[in-house]
Amino acid sequence: EDEVARVFLELFERRAAARRHIPVAPLDDYVKWAALKIAGRPVASGV
């Protein structure tokens, strides 16, 4: 599982440096949730 997570990190970095940006699932969710953590903005309630 940690290796799977590492693949998504590498893909995150590859896309950031790429000429074209396309949606990638579930990477986009991981990025959103990481950004919310940094921003200190919990949004999920009643989960």
All heavy atoms as atom14 arrays in JSON, in Angstrom:
{
  "sequence": "EDEVARVFLELFERRAAARRHIPVAPLDDYVKWAALKIAGRPVASGV",
  "atom14_mask": [
    [1, 1, 1, 1, 1, 1, 1, 1, 1, 0, 0, 0, 0, 0],
    [1, 1, 1, 1, 1, 1, 1, 1, 0, 0, 0, 0, 0, 0],
    [1, 1, 1, 1, 1, 1, 1, 1, 1, 0, 0, 0, 0, 0],
    [1, 1, 1, 1, 1, 1, 1, 0, 0, 0, 0, 0, 0, 0],
    [1, 1, 1, 1, 1, 0, 0, 0, 0, 0, 0, 0, 0, 0],
    [1, 1, 1, 1, 1, 1, 1, 1, 1, 1, 1, 0, 0, 0],
    [1, 1, 1, 1, 1, 1, 1, 0, 0, 0, 0, 0, 0, 0],
    [1, 1, 1, 1, 1, 1, 1, 1, 1, 1, 1, 0, 0, 0],
    [1, 1, 1, 1, 1, 1, 1, 1, 0, 0, 0, 0, 0, 0],
    [1, 1, 1, 1, 1, 1, 1, 1, 1, 0, 0, 0, 0, 0],
    [1, 1, 1, 1, 1, 1, 1, 1, 0, 0, 0, 0, 0, 0],
    [1, 1, 1, 1, 1, 1, 1, 1, 1, 1, 1, 0, 0, 0],
    [1, 1, 1, 1, 1, 1, 1, 1, 1, 0, 0, 0, 0, 0],
    [1, 1, 1, 1, 1, 1, 1, 1, 1, 1, 1, 0, 0, 0],
    [1, 1, 1, 1, 1, 1, 1, 1, 1, 1, 1, 0, 0, 0],
    [1, 1, 1, 1, 1, 0, 0, 0, 0, 0, 0, 0, 0, 0],
    [1, 1, 1, 1, 1, 0, 0, 0, 0, 0, 0, 0, 0, 0],
    [1, 1, 1, 1, 1, 0, 0, 0, 0, 0, 0, 0, 0, 0],
    [1, 1, 1, 1, 1, 1, 1, 1, 1, 1, 1, 0, 0, 0],
    [1, 1, 1, 1, 1, 1, 1, 1, 1, 1, 1, 0, 0, 0],
    [1, 1, 1, 1, 1, 1, 1, 1, 1, 1, 0, 0, 0, 0],
    [1, 1, 1, 1, 1, 1, 1, 1, 0, 0, 0, 0, 0, 0],
    [1, 1, 1, 1, 1, 1, 1, 0, 0, 0, 0, 0, 0, 0],
    [1, 1, 1, 1, 1, 1, 1, 0, 0, 0, 0, 0, 0, 0],
    [1, 1, 1, 1, 1, 0, 0, 0, 0, 0, 0, 0, 0, 0],
    [1, 1, 1, 1, 1, 1, 1, 0, 0, 0, 0, 0, 0, 0],
    [1, 1, 1, 1, 1, 1, 1, 1, 0, 0, 0, 0, 0, 0],
    [1, 1, 1, 1, 1, 1, 1, 1, 0, 0, 0, 0, 0, 0],
    [1, 1, 1, 1, 1, 1, 1, 1, 0, 0, 0, 0, 0, 0],
    [1, 1, 1, 1, 1, 1, 1, 1, 1, 1, 1, 1, 0, 0],
    [1, 1, 1, 1, 1, 1, 1, 0, 0, 0, 0, 0, 0, 0],
    [1, 1, 1, 1, 1, 1, 1, 1, 1, 0, 0, 0, 0, 0],
    [1, 1, 1, 1, 1, 1, 1, 1, 1, 1, 1, 1, 1, 1],
    [1, 1, 1, 1, 1, 0, 0, 0, 0, 0, 0, 0, 0, 0],
    [1, 1, 1, 1, 1, 0, 0, 0, 0, 0, 0, 0, 0, 0],
    [1, 1, 1, 1, 1, 1, 1, 1, 0, 0, 0, 0, 0, 0],
    [1, 1, 1, 1, 1, 1, 1, 1, 1, 0, 0, 0, 0, 0],
    [1, 1, 1, 1, 1, 1, 1, 1, 0, 0, 0, 0, 0, 0],
    [1, 1, 1, 1, 1, 0, 0, 0, 0, 0, 0, 0, 0, 0],
    [1, 1, 1, 1, 0, 0, 0, 0, 0, 0, 0, 0, 0, 0],
    [1, 1, 1, 1, 1, 1, 1, 1, 1, 1, 1, 0, 0, 0],
    [1, 1, 1, 1, 1, 1, 1, 0, 0, 0, 0, 0, 0, 0],
    [1, 1, 1, 1, 1, 1, 1, 0, 0, 0, 0, 0, 0, 0],
    [1, 1, 1, 1, 1, 0, 0, 0, 0, 0, 0, 0, 0, 0],
    [1, 1, 1, 1, 1, 1, 0, 0, 0, 0, 0, 0, 0, 0],
    [1, 1, 1, 1, 0, 0, 0, 0, 0, 0, 0, 0, 0, 0],
    [1, 1, 1, 1, 1, 1, 1, 0, 0, 0, 0, 0, 0, 0]
  ],
  "atom14_positions": [
    [[0.82, -1.21, 0.0], [0.0, 0.0, 0.0], [0.86, 1.27, 0.0], [0.52, 2.26, -0.65], [-0.94, 0.0, 1.21], [-1.94, -1.15, 1.2], [-3.04, -0.98, 0.17], [-2.9, -0.15, -0.75], [-4.05, -1.68, 0.27], [0.0, 0.0, 0.0], [0.0, 0.0, 0.0], [0.0, 0.0, 0.0], [0.0, 0.0, 0.0], [0.0, 0.0, 0.0]],
    [[1.95, 1.27, 0.72], [2.83, 2.45, 0.7], [3.45, 2.66, -0.67], [3.67, 3.79, -1.11], [3.93, 2.3, 1.76], [3.42, 2.53, 3.17], [2.48, 3.35, 3.34], [3.93, 1.89, 4.1], [0.0, 0.0, 0.0], [0.0, 0.0, 0.0], [0.0, 0.0, 0.0], [0.0, 0.0, 0.0], [0.0, 0.0, 0.0], [0.0, 0.0, 0.0]],
    [[3.73, 1.55, -1.37], [4.28, 1.66, -2.72], [3.23, 2.21, -3.68], [3.54, 3.01, -4.56], [4.76, 0.3, -3.2], [5.44, 0.31, -4.57], [6.77, 1.05, -4.58], [7.26, 1.43, -3.5], [7.31, 1.26, -5.67], [0.0, 0.0, 0.0], [0.0, 0.0, 0.0], [0.0, 0.0, 0.0], [0.0, 0.0, 0.0], [0.0, 0.0, 0.0]],
    [[1.98, 1.8, -3.51], [0.9, 2.36, -4.33], [0.8, 3.86, -4.11], [0.68, 4.64, -5.06], [-0.45, 1.68, -3.99], [-1.61, 2.4, -4.68], [-0.43, 0.21, -4.41], [0.0, 0.0, 0.0], [0.0, 0.0, 0.0], [0.0, 0.0, 0.0], [0.0, 0.0, 0.0], [0.0, 0.0, 0.0], [0.0, 0.0, 0.0], [0.0, 0.0, 0.0]],
    [[0.86, 4.28, -2.85], [0.81, 5.71, -2.54], [1.98, 6.43, -3.19], [1.84, 7.57, -3.68], [0.83, 5.92, -1.03], [0.0, 0.0, 0.0], [0.0, 0.0, 0.0], [0.0, 0.0, 0.0], [0.0, 0.0, 0.0], [0.0, 0.0, 0.0], [0.0, 0.0, 0.0], [0.0, 0.0, 0.0], [0.0, 0.0, 0.0], [0.0, 0.0, 0.0]],
    [[3.14, 5.78, -3.22], [4.33, 6.4, -3.84], [4.12, 6.61, -5.34], [4.53, 7.64, -5.9], [5.54, 5.49, -3.6], [6.83, 6.01, -4.21], [7.33, 7.26, -3.52], [8.38, 7.91, -4.28], [8.94, 9.06, -3.95], [8.53, 9.7, -2.88], [9.89, 9.58, -4.69], [0.0, 0.0, 0.0], [0.0, 0.0, 0.0], [0.0, 0.0, 0.0]],
    [[3.45, 5.68, -5.99], [3.16, 5.83, -7.42], [2.3, 7.07, -7.65], [2.55, 7.85, -8.58], [2.45, 4.58, -7.97], [1.95, 4.82, -9.4], [3.4, 3.38, -7.95], [0.0, 0.0, 0.0], [0.0, 0.0, 0.0], [0.0, 0.0, 0.0], [0.0, 0.0, 0.0], [0.0, 0.0, 0.0], [0.0, 0.0, 0.0], [0.0, 0.0, 0.0]],
    [[1.3, 7.27, -6.79], [0.45, 8.45, -6.96], [1.23, 9.74, -6.72], [0.99, 10.75, -7.39], [-0.77, 8.36, -6.05], [-1.83, 7.44, -6.56], [-2.1, 6.24, -5.92], [-2.54, 7.76, -7.71], [-3.07, 5.38, -6.41], [-3.52, 6.91, -8.21], [-3.78, 5.71, -7.55], [0.0, 0.0, 0.0], [0.0, 0.0, 0.0], [0.0, 0.0, 0.0]],
    [[2.17, 9.72, -5.79], [3.01, 10.91, -5.59], [3.86, 11.18, -6.83], [3.98, 12.33, -7.28], [3.91, 10.72, -4.37], [4.91, 11.86, -4.11], [4.18, 13.16, -3.8], [5.87, 11.5, -2.98], [0.0, 0.0, 0.0], [0.0, 0.0, 0.0], [0.0, 0.0, 0.0], [0.0, 0.0, 0.0], [0.0, 0.0, 0.0], [0.0, 0.0, 0.0]],
    [[4.47, 10.13, -7.4], [5.28, 10.31, -8.61], [4.42, 10.83, -9.76], [4.87, 11.67, -10.55], [5.93, 8.98, -8.98], [6.99, 8.51, -7.99], [7.51, 7.13, -8.31], [7.18, 6.6, -9.4], [8.25, 6.57, -7.48], [0.0, 0.0, 0.0], [0.0, 0.0, 0.0], [0.0, 0.0, 0.0], [0.0, 0.0, 0.0], [0.0, 0.0, 0.0]],
    [[3.19, 10.34, -9.85], [2.3, 10.81, -10.9], [1.9, 12.27, -10.68], [1.81, 13.06, -11.63], [1.06, 9.92, -10.95], [0.1, 10.13, -12.1], [0.79, 9.96, -13.45], [-1.07, 9.15, -11.99], [0.0, 0.0, 0.0], [0.0, 0.0, 0.0], [0.0, 0.0, 0.0], [0.0, 0.0, 0.0], [0.0, 0.0, 0.0], [0.0, 0.0, 0.0]],
    [[1.7, 12.63, -9.43], [1.42, 14.03, -9.07], [2.56, 14.93, -9.54], [2.34, 15.99, -10.16], [1.24, 14.11, -7.55], [1.26, 15.5, -6.99], [0.19, 16.35, -7.17], [2.36, 15.94, -6.25], [0.21, 17.64, -6.63], [2.38, 17.21, -5.71], [1.3, 18.06, -5.91], [0.0, 0.0, 0.0], [0.0, 0.0, 0.0], [0.0, 0.0, 0.0]],
    [[3.78, 14.52, -9.3], [4.94, 15.31, -9.7], [5.1, 15.34, -11.22], [5.45, 16.37, -11.8], [6.2, 14.75, -9.03], [6.17, 14.9, -7.5], [7.28, 14.14, -6.8], [7.82, 13.18, -7.41], [7.59, 14.47, -5.65], [0.0, 0.0, 0.0], [0.0, 0.0, 0.0], [0.0, 0.0, 0.0], [0.0, 0.0, 0.0], [0.0, 0.0, 0.0]],
    [[4.82, 14.19, -11.86], [4.95, 14.12, -13.32], [3.92, 15.04, -13.98], [4.25, 15.78, -14.93], [4.74, 12.67, -13.78], [4.8, 12.44, -15.28], [6.19, 12.81, -15.83], [6.32, 12.48, -17.24], [6.97, 11.42, -17.7], [7.53, 10.57, -16.86], [7.08, 11.21, -18.99], [0.0, 0.0, 0.0], [0.0, 0.0, 0.0], [0.0, 0.0, 0.0]],
    [[2.69, 15.01, -13.5], [1.66, 15.87, -14.08], [1.97, 17.34, -13.85], [1.72, 18.18, -14.73], [0.29, 15.52, -13.49], [-0.84, 16.34, -14.08], [-2.2, 15.89, -13.59], [-2.4, 16.14, -12.17], [-3.55, 15.93, -11.54], [-4.6, 15.46, -12.19], [-3.66, 16.16, -10.25], [0.0, 0.0, 0.0], [0.0, 0.0, 0.0], [0.0, 0.0, 0.0]],
    [[2.52, 17.68, -12.68], [2.84, 19.08, -12.39], [3.84, 19.65, -13.38], [3.8, 20.85, -13.69], [3.37, 19.19, -10.96], [0.0, 0.0, 0.0], [0.0, 0.0, 0.0], [0.0, 0.0, 0.0], [0.0, 0.0, 0.0], [0.0, 0.0, 0.0], [0.0, 0.0, 0.0], [0.0, 0.0, 0.0], [0.0, 0.0, 0.0], [0.0, 0.0, 0.0]],
    [[4.74, 18.79, -13.88], [5.78, 19.25, -14.81], [5.39, 19.06, -16.27], [6.15, 19.44, -17.16], [7.08, 18.5, -14.53], [0.0, 0.0, 0.0], [0.0, 0.0, 0.0], [0.0, 0.0, 0.0], [0.0, 0.0, 0.0], [0.0, 0.0, 0.0], [0.0, 0.0, 0.0], [0.0, 0.0, 0.0], [0.0, 0.0, 0.0], [0.0, 0.0, 0.0]],
    [[4.21, 18.5, -16.52], [3.82, 18.16, -17.88], [3.25, 19.35, -18.63], [2.8, 20.34, -18.04], [2.79, 17.02, -17.86], [0.0, 0.0, 0.0], [0.0, 0.0, 0.0], [0.0, 0.0, 0.0], [0.0, 0.0, 0.0], [0.0, 0.0, 0.0], [0.0, 0.0, 0.0], [0.0, 0.0, 0.0], [0.0, 0.0, 0.0], [0.0, 0.0, 0.0]],
    [[3.24, 19.22, -19.94], [2.7, 20.29, -20.8], [1.19, 20.38, -20.68], [0.62, 21.46, -20.75], [3.11, 19.99, -22.25], [2.62, 21.0, -23.28], [3.13, 20.65, -24.66], [2.73, 19.31, -25.06], [1.55, 19.02, -25.62], [0.67, 20.0, -25.84], [1.25, 17.8, -25.98], [0.0, 0.0, 0.0], [0.0, 0.0, 0.0], [0.0, 0.0, 0.0]],
    [[0.53, 19.25, -20.5], [-0.93, 19.22, -20.44], [-1.38, 18.58, -19.14], [-0.85, 17.55, -18.72], [-1.49, 18.45, -21.64], [-3.02, 18.46, -21.71], [-3.5, 18.05, -23.09], [-4.97, 18.08, -23.13], [-5.73, 16.99, -23.2], [-5.18, 15.79, -23.25], [-7.05, 17.09, -23.24], [0.0, 0.0, 0.0], [0.0, 0.0, 0.0], [0.0, 0.0, 0.0]],
    [[-2.38, 19.19, -18.53], [-2.9, 18.74, -17.25], [-4.27, 18.11, -17.48], [-5.18, 18.76, -17.99], [-3.01, 19.94, -16.3], [-3.41, 19.58, -14.9], [-4.67, 19.15, -14.56], [-2.69, 19.6, -13.75], [-4.73, 18.92, -13.27], [-3.53, 19.19, -12.75], [0.0, 0.0, 0.0], [0.0, 0.0, 0.0], [0.0, 0.0, 0.0], [0.0, 0.0, 0.0]],
    [[-4.43, 16.82, -17.13], [-5.72, 16.15, -17.26], [-6.14, 15.62, -15.89], [-5.3, 15.39, -15.02], [-5.67, 14.99, -18.28], [-4.68, 13.91, -17.82], [-5.37, 15.49, -19.67], [-4.79, 12.62, -18.61], [0.0, 0.0, 0.0], [0.0, 0.0, 0.0], [0.0, 0.0, 0.0], [0.0, 0.0, 0.0], [0.0, 0.0, 0.0], [0.0, 0.0, 0.0]],
    [[-7.45, 15.4, -15.7], [-7.88, 14.82, -14.43], [-7.42, 13.38, -14.28], [-7.45, 12.61, -15.25], [-9.42, 14.92, -14.5], [-9.75, 15.2, -15.91], [-8.55, 15.77, -16.59], [0.0, 0.0, 0.0], [0.0, 0.0, 0.0], [0.0, 0.0, 0.0], [0.0, 0.0, 0.0], [0.0, 0.0, 0.0], [0.0, 0.0, 0.0], [0.0, 0.0, 0.0]],
    [[-7.0, 13.06, -13.08], [-6.57, 11.69, -12.76], [-7.26, 11.28, -11.46], [-7.12, 11.96, -10.44], [-5.04, 11.59, -12.6], [-4.65, 10.15, -12.25], [-4.32, 12.05, -13.86], [0.0, 0.0, 0.0], [0.0, 0.0, 0.0], [0.0, 0.0, 0.0], [0.0, 0.0, 0.0], [0.0, 0.0, 0.0], [0.0, 0.0, 0.0], [0.0, 0.0, 0.0]],
    [[-8.0, 10.19, -11.49], [-8.66, 9.66, -10.29], [-7.92, 8.41, -9.82], [-7.47, 7.62, -10.65], [-10.11, 9.32, -10.61], [0.0, 0.0, 0.0], [0.0, 0.0, 0.0], [0.0, 0.0, 0.0], [0.0, 0.0, 0.0], [0.0, 0.0, 0.0], [0.0, 0.0, 0.0], [0.0, 0.0, 0.0], [0.0, 0.0, 0.0], [0.0, 0.0, 0.0]],
    [[-7.73, 8.24, -8.51], [-8.19, 9.1, -7.42], [-7.17, 10.17, -7.0], [-7.33, 10.78, -5.95], [-8.4, 8.09, -6.29], [-7.31, 7.08, -6.5], [-7.17, 6.96, -7.99], [0.0, 0.0, 0.0], [0.0, 0.0, 0.0], [0.0, 0.0, 0.0], [0.0, 0.0, 0.0], [0.0, 0.0, 0.0], [0.0, 0.0, 0.0], [0.0, 0.0, 0.0]],
    [[-6.15, 10.41, -7.82], [-5.13, 11.38, -7.46], [-5.73, 12.75, -7.14], [-5.32, 13.41, -6.17], [-4.11, 11.51, -8.6], [-3.03, 12.58, -8.43], [-2.17, 12.31, -7.21], [-2.17, 12.69, -9.69], [0.0, 0.0, 0.0], [0.0, 0.0, 0.0], [0.0, 0.0, 0.0], [0.0, 0.0, 0.0], [0.0, 0.0, 0.0], [0.0, 0.0, 0.0]],
    [[-6.71, 13.18, -7.92], [-7.27, 14.52, -7.7], [-7.92, 14.63, -6.33], [-7.87, 15.68, -5.7], [-8.27, 14.85, -8.8], [-7.6, 15.04, -10.15], [-6.42, 15.44, -10.16], [-8.24, 14.77, -11.17], [0.0, 0.0, 0.0], [0.0, 0.0, 0.0], [0.0, 0.0, 0.0], [0.0, 0.0, 0.0], [0.0, 0.0, 0.0], [0.0, 0.0, 0.0]],
    [[-8.54, 13.55, -5.86], [-9.09, 13.57, -4.5], [-7.98, 13.69, -3.47], [-8.1, 14.45, -2.49], [-9.9, 12.3, -4.23], [-11.29, 12.35, -4.84], [-11.81, 13.46, -5.05], [-11.86, 11.28, -5.1], [0.0, 0.0, 0.0], [0.0, 0.0, 0.0], [0.0, 0.0, 0.0], [0.0, 0.0, 0.0], [0.0, 0.0, 0.0], [0.0, 0.0, 0.0]],
    [[-6.89, 12.95, -3.67], [-5.79, 13.02, -2.7], [-5.22, 14.43, -2.63], [-4.92, 14.94, -1.54], [-4.67, 12.05, -3.1], [-5.07, 10.59, -3.15], [-4.33, 9.67, -3.91], [-6.18, 10.11, -2.45], [-4.67, 8.33, -3.96], [-6.53, 8.77, -2.5], [-5.76, 7.89, -3.24], [-6.11, 6.56, -3.3], [0.0, 0.0, 0.0], [0.0, 0.0, 0.0]],
    [[-5.08, 15.08, -3.79], [-4.54, 16.45, -3.81], [-5.51, 17.41, -3.12], [-5.1, 18.27, -2.32], [-4.27, 16.89, -5.26], [-3.84, 18.36, -5.3], [-3.21, 16.01, -5.91], [0.0, 0.0, 0.0], [0.0, 0.0, 0.0], [0.0, 0.0, 0.0], [0.0, 0.0, 0.0], [0.0, 0.0, 0.0], [0.0, 0.0, 0.0], [0.0, 0.0, 0.0]],
    [[-6.79, 17.27, -3.4], [-7.79, 18.12, -2.75], [-7.74, 17.97, -1.24], [-7.74, 18.97, -0.5], [-9.18, 17.76, -3.29], [-10.33, 18.47, -2.57], [-11.67, 17.97, -3.07], [-12.82, 18.56, -2.28], [-14.14, 18.04, -2.74], [0.0, 0.0, 0.0], [0.0, 0.0, 0.0], [0.0, 0.0, 0.0], [0.0, 0.0, 0.0], [0.0, 0.0, 0.0]],
    [[-7.71, 16.73, -0.76], [-7.73, 16.5, 0.68], [-6.44, 16.99, 1.33], [-6.47, 17.52, 2.45], [-7.98, 15.02, 0.95], [-9.33, 14.56, 0.45], [-10.45, 15.33, 0.28], [-9.69, 13.25, 0.01], [-11.49, 14.58, -0.21], [-11.07, 13.3, -0.4], [-9.01, 12.03, -0.07], [-11.74, 12.18, -0.86], [-9.7, 10.91, -0.55], [-11.03, 10.99, -0.93]],
    [[-5.31, 16.84, 0.65], [-4.05, 17.36, 1.18], [-4.09, 18.88, 1.27], [-3.64, 19.48, 2.25], [-2.88, 16.9, 0.32], [0.0, 0.0, 0.0], [0.0, 0.0, 0.0], [0.0, 0.0, 0.0], [0.0, 0.0, 0.0], [0.0, 0.0, 0.0], [0.0, 0.0, 0.0], [0.0, 0.0, 0.0], [0.0, 0.0, 0.0], [0.0, 0.0, 0.0]],
    [[-4.64, 19.52, 0.23], [-4.74, 20.99, 0.23], [-5.66, 21.48, 1.35], [-5.37, 22.49, 2.01], [-5.24, 21.48, -1.13], [0.0, 0.0, 0.0], [0.0, 0.0, 0.0], [0.0, 0.0, 0.0], [0.0, 0.0, 0.0], [0.0, 0.0, 0.0], [0.0, 0.0, 0.0], [0.0, 0.0, 0.0], [0.0, 0.0, 0.0], [0.0, 0.0, 0.0]],
    [[-6.75, 20.78, 1.57], [-7.65, 21.15, 2.66], [-6.95, 21.04, 4.01], [-7.18, 21.87, 4.91], [-8.9, 20.26, 2.64], [-9.9, 20.51, 1.51], [-10.95, 19.41, 1.46], [-10.57, 21.87, 1.67], [0.0, 0.0, 0.0], [0.0, 0.0, 0.0], [0.0, 0.0, 0.0], [0.0, 0.0, 0.0], [0.0, 0.0, 0.0], [0.0, 0.0, 0.0]],
    [[-6.1, 20.04, 4.17], [-5.35, 19.9, 5.43], [-4.42, 21.09, 5.63], [-4.34, 21.67, 6.72], [-4.55, 18.6, 5.42], [-5.36, 17.35, 5.69], [-4.48, 16.12, 5.74], [-3.57, 16.14, 6.98], [-2.73, 14.93, 7.04], [0.0, 0.0, 0.0], [0.0, 0.0, 0.0], [0.0, 0.0, 0.0], [0.0, 0.0, 0.0], [0.0, 0.0, 0.0]],
    [[-3.7, 21.44, 4.57], [-2.77, 22.56, 4.69], [-3.53, 23.84, 5.0], [-3.09, 24.66, 5.82], [-1.97, 22.72, 3.37], [-1.04, 21.51, 3.18], [-1.15, 24.01, 3.39], [-0.35, 21.48, 1.83], [0.0, 0.0, 0.0], [0.0, 0.0, 0.0], [0.0, 0.0, 0.0], [0.0, 0.0, 0.0], [0.0, 0.0, 0.0], [0.0, 0.0, 0.0]],
    [[-4.68, 24.0, 4.37], [-5.48, 25.21, 4.58], [-6.22, 25.2, 5.91], [-6.74, 26.23, 6.34], [-6.49, 25.37, 3.44], [0.0, 0.0, 0.0], [0.0, 0.0, 0.0], [0.0, 0.0, 0.0], [0.0, 0.0, 0.0], [0.0, 0.0, 0.0], [0.0, 0.0, 0.0], [0.0, 0.0, 0.0], [0.0, 0.0, 0.0], [0.0, 0.0, 0.0]],
    [[-6.26, 24.05, 6.56], [-6.99, 23.96, 7.82], [-8.48, 24.15, 7.63], [-9.14, 24.73, 8.48], [0.0, 0.0, 0.0], [0.0, 0.0, 0.0], [0.0, 0.0, 0.0], [0.0, 0.0, 0.0], [0.0, 0.0, 0.0], [0.0, 0.0, 0.0], [0.0, 0.0, 0.0], [0.0, 0.0, 0.0], [0.0, 0.0, 0.0], [0.0, 0.0, 0.0]],
    [[-9.01, 23.65, 6.51], [-10.42, 23.84, 6.18], [-11.15, 22.5, 6.09], [-11.39, 21.97, 5.01], [-10.54, 24.56, 4.84], [-10.01, 25.98, 4.81], [-10.95, 26.93, 5.58], [-10.55, 28.31, 5.39], [-10.97, 29.06, 4.39], [-11.82, 28.56, 3.51], [-10.57, 30.3, 4.26], [0.0, 0.0, 0.0], [0.0, 0.0, 0.0], [0.0, 0.0, 0.0]],
    [[-11.48, 21.9, 7.22], [-12.28, 20.66, 7.13], [-13.64, 20.96, 6.53], [-14.28, 21.95, 6.88], [-12.39, 20.21, 8.59], [-12.19, 21.45, 9.39], [-11.26, 22.32, 8.61], [0.0, 0.0, 0.0], [0.0, 0.0, 0.0], [0.0, 0.0, 0.0], [0.0, 0.0, 0.0], [0.0, 0.0, 0.0], [0.0, 0.0, 0.0], [0.0, 0.0, 0.0]],
    [[-14.05, 20.13, 5.61], [-15.34, 20.35, 4.96], [-16.29, 19.18, 5.08], [-17.49, 19.34, 4.89], [-15.17, 20.67, 3.45], [-14.43, 21.98, 3.28], [-14.45, 19.55, 2.73], [0.0, 0.0, 0.0], [0.0, 0.0, 0.0], [0.0, 0.0, 0.0], [0.0, 0.0, 0.0], [0.0, 0.0, 0.0], [0.0, 0.0, 0.0], [0.0, 0.0, 0.0]],
    [[-15.77, 18.0, 5.39], [-16.63, 16.83, 5.49], [-17.28, 16.8, 6.86], [-16.61, 16.83, 7.88], [-15.81, 15.56, 5.26], [0.0, 0.0, 0.0], [0.0, 0.0, 0.0], [0.0, 0.0, 0.0], [0.0, 0.0, 0.0], [0.0, 0.0, 0.0], [0.0, 0.0, 0.0], [0.0, 0.0, 0.0], [0.0, 0.0, 0.0], [0.0, 0.0, 0.0]],
    [[-18.57, 16.77, 6.89], [-19.29, 16.71, 8.16], [-20.3, 15.59, 8.12], [-20.86, 15.27, 7.07], [-20.02, 18.03, 8.42], [-20.96, 18.3, 7.41], [0.0, 0.0, 0.0], [0.0, 0.0, 0.0], [0.0, 0.0, 0.0], [0.0, 0.0, 0.0], [0.0, 0.0, 0.0], [0.0, 0.0, 0.0], [0.0, 0.0, 0.0], [0.0, 0.0, 0.0]],
    [[-20.52, 14.97, 9.25], [-21.49, 13.89, 9.32], [-21.08, 12.64, 8.58], [-21.93, 11.78, 8.3], [0.0, 0.0, 0.0], [0.0, 0.0, 0.0], [0.0, 0.0, 0.0], [0.0, 0.0, 0.0], [0.0, 0.0, 0.0], [0.0, 0.0, 0.0], [0.0, 0.0, 0.0], [0.0, 0.0, 0.0], [0.0, 0.0, 0.0], [0.0, 0.0, 0.0]],
    [[-19.78, 12.49, 8.3], [-19.35, 11.36, 7.48], [-19.37, 10.04, 8.23], [-19.28, 8.98, 7.61], [-17.93, 11.6, 6.92], [-17.94, 12.72, 5.92], [-16.93, 11.86, 8.03], [0.0, 0.0, 0.0], [0.0, 0.0, 0.0], [0.0, 0.0, 0.0], [0.0, 0.0, 0.0], [0.0, 0.0, 0.0], [0.0, 0.0, 0.0], [0.0, 0.0, 0.0]]
  ]
}
